[in-house]
Each structure stands twice: as structure tokens, then as C-alpha cells.
N, C-alpha and C. Protein backbone atom coordinates (compact mmCIF):
# COMPACT_ATOMS: atom_id res chain seq x y z
N MET A 1 39.70 8.66 11.29
CA MET A 1 40.92 7.88 11.26
C MET A 1 42.04 8.78 10.75
N THR A 2 43.14 8.78 11.46
CA THR A 2 44.29 9.57 11.03
C THR A 2 45.36 8.66 10.47
N SER A 3 46.02 9.13 9.44
CA SER A 3 47.11 8.36 8.83
C SER A 3 48.39 8.61 9.61
N PRO A 4 49.20 7.57 9.77
CA PRO A 4 50.46 7.77 10.47
C PRO A 4 51.40 8.63 9.64
N GLY A 5 52.23 9.40 10.30
CA GLY A 5 53.21 10.22 9.61
C GLY A 5 54.40 9.38 9.19
N PRO A 6 55.31 9.97 8.42
CA PRO A 6 56.49 9.23 7.99
C PRO A 6 57.39 8.89 9.18
N VAL A 7 58.02 7.73 9.10
CA VAL A 7 58.89 7.25 10.18
C VAL A 7 60.22 6.86 9.56
N SER A 8 61.30 7.27 10.18
CA SER A 8 62.64 6.90 9.72
C SER A 8 62.91 5.44 10.01
N ASP A 9 63.49 4.74 9.06
CA ASP A 9 63.85 3.33 9.25
C ASP A 9 65.21 3.17 9.89
N GLU A 10 65.97 4.25 10.04
CA GLU A 10 67.32 4.17 10.57
C GLU A 10 67.31 3.68 12.02
N GLY A 11 68.04 2.61 12.25
CA GLY A 11 68.15 2.07 13.60
C GLY A 11 66.97 1.24 14.05
N ARG A 12 65.98 1.02 13.21
CA ARG A 12 64.81 0.23 13.61
C ARG A 12 64.99 -1.21 13.19
N THR A 13 64.46 -2.11 13.99
CA THR A 13 64.54 -3.53 13.71
C THR A 13 63.15 -4.13 13.77
N LEU A 14 62.80 -4.92 12.77
CA LEU A 14 61.54 -5.64 12.78
C LEU A 14 61.73 -7.00 13.43
N LYS A 15 60.68 -7.51 14.03
CA LYS A 15 60.68 -8.83 14.63
C LYS A 15 59.88 -9.75 13.70
N SER A 16 60.38 -10.92 13.43
CA SER A 16 59.66 -11.86 12.56
C SER A 16 59.44 -13.18 13.31
N ARG A 17 58.34 -13.81 12.95
CA ARG A 17 58.00 -15.12 13.53
C ARG A 17 57.39 -15.98 12.44
N GLY A 18 57.67 -17.25 12.50
CA GLY A 18 57.05 -18.20 11.59
C GLY A 18 56.08 -19.08 12.36
N TYR A 19 55.00 -19.44 11.71
CA TYR A 19 53.96 -20.26 12.34
C TYR A 19 53.57 -21.41 11.42
N ARG A 20 53.27 -22.53 12.00
CA ARG A 20 52.59 -23.61 11.28
C ARG A 20 51.22 -23.72 11.94
N ILE A 21 50.19 -23.40 11.22
CA ILE A 21 48.84 -23.35 11.75
C ILE A 21 48.09 -24.60 11.31
N THR A 22 47.54 -25.32 12.26
CA THR A 22 46.81 -26.55 12.00
C THR A 22 45.31 -26.30 12.17
N VAL A 23 44.55 -26.78 11.21
CA VAL A 23 43.09 -26.60 11.24
C VAL A 23 42.40 -27.95 10.98
N ASP A 24 41.12 -27.94 11.07
CA ASP A 24 40.29 -29.13 10.82
C ASP A 24 40.74 -30.32 11.67
N GLU A 25 40.91 -30.05 12.98
CA GLU A 25 41.29 -31.09 13.93
C GLU A 25 42.55 -31.84 13.51
N GLY A 26 43.51 -31.09 12.94
CA GLY A 26 44.80 -31.67 12.57
C GLY A 26 44.87 -32.25 11.17
N ARG A 27 43.78 -32.19 10.41
CA ARG A 27 43.79 -32.77 9.07
C ARG A 27 44.48 -31.89 8.03
N ASP A 28 44.61 -30.61 8.31
CA ASP A 28 45.24 -29.70 7.35
C ASP A 28 46.08 -28.68 8.11
N SER A 29 47.12 -28.21 7.48
CA SER A 29 47.95 -27.18 8.10
C SER A 29 48.55 -26.30 7.01
N PHE A 30 48.98 -25.11 7.40
CA PHE A 30 49.64 -24.20 6.48
C PHE A 30 50.63 -23.37 7.27
N PHE A 31 51.51 -22.71 6.54
CA PHE A 31 52.55 -21.90 7.15
C PHE A 31 52.20 -20.43 7.01
N ALA A 32 52.62 -19.64 7.98
CA ALA A 32 52.41 -18.19 7.95
C ALA A 32 53.65 -17.51 8.51
N ILE A 33 53.83 -16.26 8.12
CA ILE A 33 54.94 -15.46 8.64
C ILE A 33 54.37 -14.14 9.13
N SER A 34 54.92 -13.65 10.22
CA SER A 34 54.49 -12.39 10.81
C SER A 34 55.70 -11.46 10.91
N LEU A 35 55.55 -10.21 10.46
CA LEU A 35 56.56 -9.18 10.61
C LEU A 35 55.97 -8.09 11.48
N GLU A 36 56.69 -7.68 12.52
CA GLU A 36 56.16 -6.71 13.48
C GLU A 36 57.20 -5.66 13.82
N ASP A 37 56.73 -4.44 14.08
CA ASP A 37 57.56 -3.38 14.64
C ASP A 37 57.32 -3.42 16.14
N PRO A 38 58.30 -3.82 16.94
CA PRO A 38 58.08 -3.95 18.39
C PRO A 38 57.73 -2.64 19.08
N GLU A 39 57.96 -1.50 18.43
CA GLU A 39 57.67 -0.21 19.03
C GLU A 39 56.26 0.29 18.73
N SER A 40 55.49 -0.49 17.97
CA SER A 40 54.14 -0.04 17.58
C SER A 40 53.17 -1.22 17.64
N GLU A 41 52.02 -1.01 18.26
CA GLU A 41 51.01 -2.06 18.32
C GLU A 41 50.22 -2.17 17.02
N THR A 42 50.35 -1.20 16.13
CA THR A 42 49.57 -1.21 14.89
C THR A 42 50.41 -1.46 13.65
N ALA A 43 51.72 -1.62 13.79
CA ALA A 43 52.59 -1.85 12.63
C ALA A 43 52.98 -3.32 12.57
N TRP A 44 52.17 -4.11 11.89
CA TRP A 44 52.45 -5.52 11.74
C TRP A 44 51.84 -6.04 10.44
N LEU A 45 52.34 -7.16 9.99
CA LEU A 45 51.86 -7.80 8.77
C LEU A 45 51.93 -9.30 8.98
N MET A 46 50.88 -10.00 8.61
CA MET A 46 50.90 -11.45 8.69
C MET A 46 50.43 -11.99 7.35
N SER A 47 51.14 -12.98 6.83
CA SER A 47 50.81 -13.54 5.53
C SER A 47 50.83 -15.05 5.59
N ASP A 48 49.88 -15.67 4.95
CA ASP A 48 49.88 -17.13 4.85
C ASP A 48 50.28 -17.57 3.45
N THR A 49 50.81 -16.66 2.64
CA THR A 49 51.17 -17.01 1.27
C THR A 49 52.64 -17.34 1.10
N VAL A 50 53.45 -17.16 2.12
CA VAL A 50 54.89 -17.40 2.03
C VAL A 50 55.22 -18.68 2.76
N ARG A 51 55.81 -19.62 2.08
CA ARG A 51 56.22 -20.86 2.72
C ARG A 51 57.66 -20.80 3.18
N SER A 52 58.48 -20.03 2.49
CA SER A 52 59.86 -19.85 2.91
C SER A 52 60.38 -18.55 2.32
N LEU A 53 61.39 -17.98 2.93
CA LEU A 53 61.97 -16.76 2.39
C LEU A 53 62.61 -17.02 1.04
N ASP A 54 63.09 -18.22 0.78
CA ASP A 54 63.68 -18.54 -0.51
C ASP A 54 62.67 -18.40 -1.65
N GLU A 55 61.41 -18.69 -1.39
CA GLU A 55 60.37 -18.59 -2.42
C GLU A 55 60.06 -17.15 -2.77
N MET A 56 60.45 -16.20 -1.92
CA MET A 56 60.17 -14.79 -2.18
C MET A 56 61.16 -14.21 -3.19
N GLN A 57 62.31 -14.83 -3.40
CA GLN A 57 63.33 -14.28 -4.29
C GLN A 57 63.01 -14.54 -5.73
């Protein structure tokens, strides 16, 4: 496995998406957020611990 080299953030834009995921045949649901670099198939992060960006501050 090779580690990626450093990448400049200048001019790059991340794509974000919010999800409401339902489980147990609709009895339970939770929220998740995904951050992705559209130029890379391996640069992404998904978290189910954030309910809103306001809670991150």
C-alpha cells in the first residue's frame, strides 16, 4: 500500500451530501454527512455522528 503524496488545497472544492438513513423497516433512522473530493475515488469521509453543521461549532 502506498501513501498518497501531499496535495495542494488551492482551487479545490469538496462536495458534500446529507443523508437520512432509515433502518429496521422504518422504525429507526439517523442522519449522516458525506464529504468527497470529486477528483479522487479514494478521498471521501462519511460520518453518522453529525446531525447538523451547527452542532460542530
